[in-house]
Amino acid sequence: MALGFGVAYAAILVAGAWLNDVAGARGLYGLAFASGLTDVDAISLSAMRLFGDASIPAGTAATAIVVAILSNVIVKAGIAFVAGGAALGRRCLAGFGAMAAALAVSALVVG
């Protein structure tokens, strides 16, 4: 498990740095969205590392993390609807929506 996470973290860190160089912040945001579909830890650590190395500004790092979390929330909402049915999905939507709104506001404040 730890080895798999280490490999994922290294791959996302390298891809994030490369995409940031090639496509700018939008490249990093695209990677954050794709990575967030399965996990937010690796992209979060990668964004913080790139910020710590002065490769990206704080707003870009924060926005990448928010994008990853929002894509992860979308997946979890889908899972709630598919695995738990419409009743559970609707009950989860309020919490997911509140979390998504708070993340969007925080991204605007930091970004």
C-alpha atoms as a PDB file:
ATOM      1  CA  MET A   1       0.000   0.000   0.000  1.00  0.00           C
ATOM      2  CA  ALA A   2       2.702   2.501   0.940  1.00  0.00           C
ATOM      3  CA  LEU A   3       4.780   1.609  -2.106  1.00  0.00           C
ATOM      4  CA  GLY A   4       1.776   2.136  -4.374  1.00  0.00           C
ATOM      5  CA  PHE A   5       1.112   5.537  -2.823  1.00  0.00           C
ATOM      6  CA  GLY A   6       4.772   6.472  -3.204  1.00  0.00           C
ATOM      7  CA  VAL A   7       4.690   5.573  -6.886  1.00  0.00           C
ATOM      8  CA  ALA A   8       1.451   7.506  -7.405  1.00  0.00           C
ATOM      9  CA  TYR A   9       2.833  10.535  -5.540  1.00  0.00           C
ATOM     10  CA  ALA A  10       6.053  10.530  -7.567  1.00  0.00           C
ATOM     11  CA  ALA A  11       4.178  10.168 -10.857  1.00  0.00           C
ATOM     12  CA  ILE A  12       1.754  12.964 -10.014  1.00  0.00           C
ATOM     13  CA  LEU A  13       4.554  15.229  -8.773  1.00  0.00           C
ATOM     14  CA  VAL A  14       6.507  14.762 -12.009  1.00  0.00           C
ATOM     15  CA  ALA A  15       3.384  15.105 -14.163  1.00  0.00           C
ATOM     16  CA  GLY A  16       2.273  18.181 -12.233  1.00  0.00           C
ATOM     17  CA  ALA A  17       5.609  19.924 -12.632  1.00  0.00           C
ATOM     18  CA  TRP A  18       5.743  19.049 -16.331  1.00  0.00           C
ATOM     19  CA  LEU A  19       2.149  20.105 -17.017  1.00  0.00           C
ATOM     20  CA  ASN A  20       2.696  23.344 -15.133  1.00  0.00           C
ATOM     21  CA  ASP A  21       5.729  24.071 -17.335  1.00  0.00           C
ATOM     22  CA  VAL A  22       3.979  23.085 -20.566  1.00  0.00           C
ATOM     23  CA  ALA A  23       0.404  24.278 -20.017  1.00  0.00           C
ATOM     24  CA  GLY A  24       0.625  26.510 -16.956  1.00  0.00           C
ATOM     25  CA  ALA A  25      -1.859  26.370 -14.126  1.00  0.00           C
ATOM     26  CA  ARG A  26      -4.547  24.895 -16.391  1.00  0.00           C
ATOM     27  CA  GLY A  27      -2.407  21.820 -16.953  1.00  0.00           C
ATOM     28  CA  LEU A  28      -2.034  21.356 -13.205  1.00  0.00           C
ATOM     29  CA  TYR A  29      -5.784  21.844 -12.736  1.00  0.00           C
ATOM     30  CA  GLY A  30      -6.510  19.176 -15.348  1.00  0.00           C
ATOM     31  CA  LEU A  31      -4.209  16.765 -13.558  1.00  0.00           C
ATOM     32  CA  ALA A  32      -5.863  17.680 -10.257  1.00  0.00           C
ATOM     33  CA  PHE A  33      -9.302  16.897 -11.678  1.00  0.00           C
ATOM     34  CA  ALA A  34      -8.182  13.558 -13.111  1.00  0.00           C
ATOM     35  CA  SER A  35      -6.255  12.602  -9.988  1.00  0.00           C
ATOM     36  CA  GLY A  36      -9.107  13.627  -7.718  1.00  0.00           C
ATOM     37  CA  LEU A  37     -11.404  11.117  -9.385  1.00  0.00           C
ATOM     38  CA  THR A  38      -9.656   8.417  -7.364  1.00  0.00           C
ATOM     39  CA  ASP A  39      -7.654  10.103  -4.587  1.00  0.00           C
ATOM     40  CA  VAL A  40      -6.786  13.595  -3.371  1.00  0.00           C
ATOM     41  CA  ASP A  41      -3.728  12.867  -1.245  1.00  0.00           C
ATOM     42  CA  ALA A  42      -1.107  12.585  -3.975  1.00  0.00           C
ATOM     43  CA  ILE A  43      -2.164  15.722  -5.850  1.00  0.00           C
ATOM     44  CA  SER A  44      -2.512  17.659  -2.591  1.00  0.00           C
ATOM     45  CA  LEU A  45       1.010  16.751  -1.517  1.00  0.00           C
ATOM     46  CA  SER A  46       2.322  17.428  -5.015  1.00  0.00           C
ATOM     47  CA  ALA A  47       0.715  20.867  -5.168  1.00  0.00           C
ATOM     48  CA  MET A  48       2.097  21.743  -1.738  1.00  0.00           C
ATOM     49  CA  ARG A  49       5.540  20.510  -2.790  1.00  0.00           C
ATOM     50  CA  LEU A  50       5.464  22.603  -5.982  1.00  0.00           C
ATOM     51  CA  PHE A  51       4.422  25.606  -3.880  1.00  0.00           C
ATOM     52  CA  GLY A  52       7.191  24.890  -1.366  1.00  0.00           C
ATOM     53  CA  ASP A  53       9.717  24.775  -4.214  1.00  0.00           C
ATOM     54  CA  ALA A  54       8.380  28.143  -5.455  1.00  0.00           C
ATOM     55  CA  SER A  55       7.277  26.516  -8.722  1.00  0.00           C
ATOM     56  CA  ILE A  56       3.675  27.686  -8.312  1.00  0.00           C
ATOM     57  CA  PRO A  57       2.001  30.434  -6.257  1.00  0.00           C
ATOM     58  CA  ALA A  58      -0.193  29.699  -3.249  1.00  0.00           C
ATOM     59  CA  GLY A  59      -3.386  30.403  -5.164  1.00  0.00           C
ATOM     60  CA  THR A  60      -2.529  27.873  -7.841  1.00  0.00           C
ATOM     61  CA  ALA A  61      -1.724  25.211  -5.246  1.00  0.00           C
ATOM     62  CA  ALA A  62      -4.932  25.898  -3.343  1.00  0.00           C
ATOM     63  CA  THR A  63      -7.034  25.860  -6.498  1.00  0.00           C
ATOM     64  CA  ALA A  64      -5.478  22.569  -7.645  1.00  0.00           C
ATOM     65  CA  ILE A  65      -6.316  20.993  -4.286  1.00  0.00           C
ATOM     66  CA  VAL A  66      -9.882  22.333  -4.422  1.00  0.00           C
ATOM     67  CA  VAL A  67     -10.332  21.015  -7.978  1.00  0.00           C
ATOM     68  CA  ALA A  68      -9.132  17.570  -6.857  1.00  0.00           C
ATOM     69  CA  ILE A  69     -11.471  17.532  -3.863  1.00  0.00           C
ATOM     70  CA  LEU A  70     -14.443  18.673  -5.953  1.00  0.00           C
ATOM     71  CA  SER A  71     -13.857  15.959  -8.549  1.00  0.00           C
ATOM     72  CA  ASN A  72     -13.604  13.433  -5.719  1.00  0.00           C
ATOM     73  CA  VAL A  73     -16.901  14.684  -4.279  1.00  0.00           C
ATOM     74  CA  ILE A  74     -18.557  14.246  -7.674  1.00  0.00           C
ATOM     75  CA  VAL A  75     -17.413  10.622  -7.753  1.00  0.00           C
ATOM     76  CA  LYS A  76     -18.632  10.020  -4.201  1.00  0.00           C
ATOM     77  CA  ALA A  77     -22.018  11.539  -5.008  1.00  0.00           C
ATOM     78  CA  GLY A  78     -22.278   9.226  -7.991  1.00  0.00           C
ATOM     79  CA  ILE A  79     -21.377   6.253  -5.830  1.00  0.00           C
ATOM     80  CA  ALA A  80     -24.017   7.256  -3.273  1.00  0.00           C
ATOM     81  CA  PHE A  81     -26.688   7.337  -6.003  1.00  0.00           C
ATOM     82  CA  VAL A  82     -25.585   4.125  -7.697  1.00  0.00           C
ATOM     83  CA  ALA A  83     -24.803   1.990  -4.645  1.00  0.00           C
ATOM     84  CA  GLY A  84     -27.345   3.450  -2.227  1.00  0.00           C
ATOM     85  CA  GLY A  85     -30.160   4.414  -4.523  1.00  0.00           C
ATOM     86  CA  ALA A  86     -31.851   7.702  -5.175  1.00  0.00           C
ATOM     87  CA  ALA A  87     -32.996   8.187  -1.558  1.00  0.00           C
ATOM     88  CA  LEU A  88     -29.465   7.967  -0.158  1.00  0.00           C
ATOM     89  CA  GLY A  89     -28.069   9.985  -3.037  1.00  0.00           C
ATOM     90  CA  ARG A  90     -30.467  12.847  -2.379  1.00  0.00           C
ATOM     91  CA  ARG A  91     -29.650  12.803   1.344  1.00  0.00           C
ATOM     92  CA  CYS A  92     -25.938  13.026   0.572  1.00  0.00           C
ATOM     93  CA  LEU A  93     -26.319  15.832  -1.963  1.00  0.00           C
ATOM     94  CA  ALA A  94     -26.990  18.492   0.684  1.00  0.00           C
ATOM     95  CA  GLY A  95     -23.753  17.735   2.502  1.00  0.00           C
ATOM     96  CA  PHE A  96     -21.759  17.386  -0.699  1.00  0.00           C
ATOM     97  CA  GLY A  97     -23.248  20.628  -2.008  1.00  0.00           C
ATOM     98  CA  ALA A  98     -22.394  22.521   1.177  1.00  0.00           C
ATOM     99  CA  MET A  99     -18.852  21.184   1.072  1.00  0.00           C
ATOM    100  CA  ALA A 100     -18.458  22.092  -2.607  1.00  0.00           C
ATOM    101  CA  ALA A 101     -19.741  25.623  -1.967  1.00  0.00           C
ATOM    102  CA  ALA A 102     -17.362  26.131   0.965  1.00  0.00           C
ATOM    103  CA  LEU A 103     -14.440  24.857  -1.134  1.00  0.00           C
ATOM    104  CA  ALA A 104     -15.328  27.152  -4.015  1.00  0.00           C
ATOM    105  CA  VAL A 105     -15.494  30.166  -1.694  1.00  0.00           C
ATOM    106  CA  SER A 106     -12.175  29.257  -0.078  1.00  0.00           C
ATOM    107  CA  ALA A 107     -10.555  28.928  -3.508  1.00  0.00           C
ATOM    108  CA  LEU A 108     -11.761  32.409  -4.412  1.00  0.00           C
ATOM    109  CA  VAL A 109     -10.446  33.834  -1.136  1.00  0.00           C
ATOM    110  CA  VAL A 110      -7.008  32.204  -1.406  1.00  0.00           C
ATOM    111  CA  GLY A 111      -6.695  32.391  -5.197  1.00  0.00           C
END
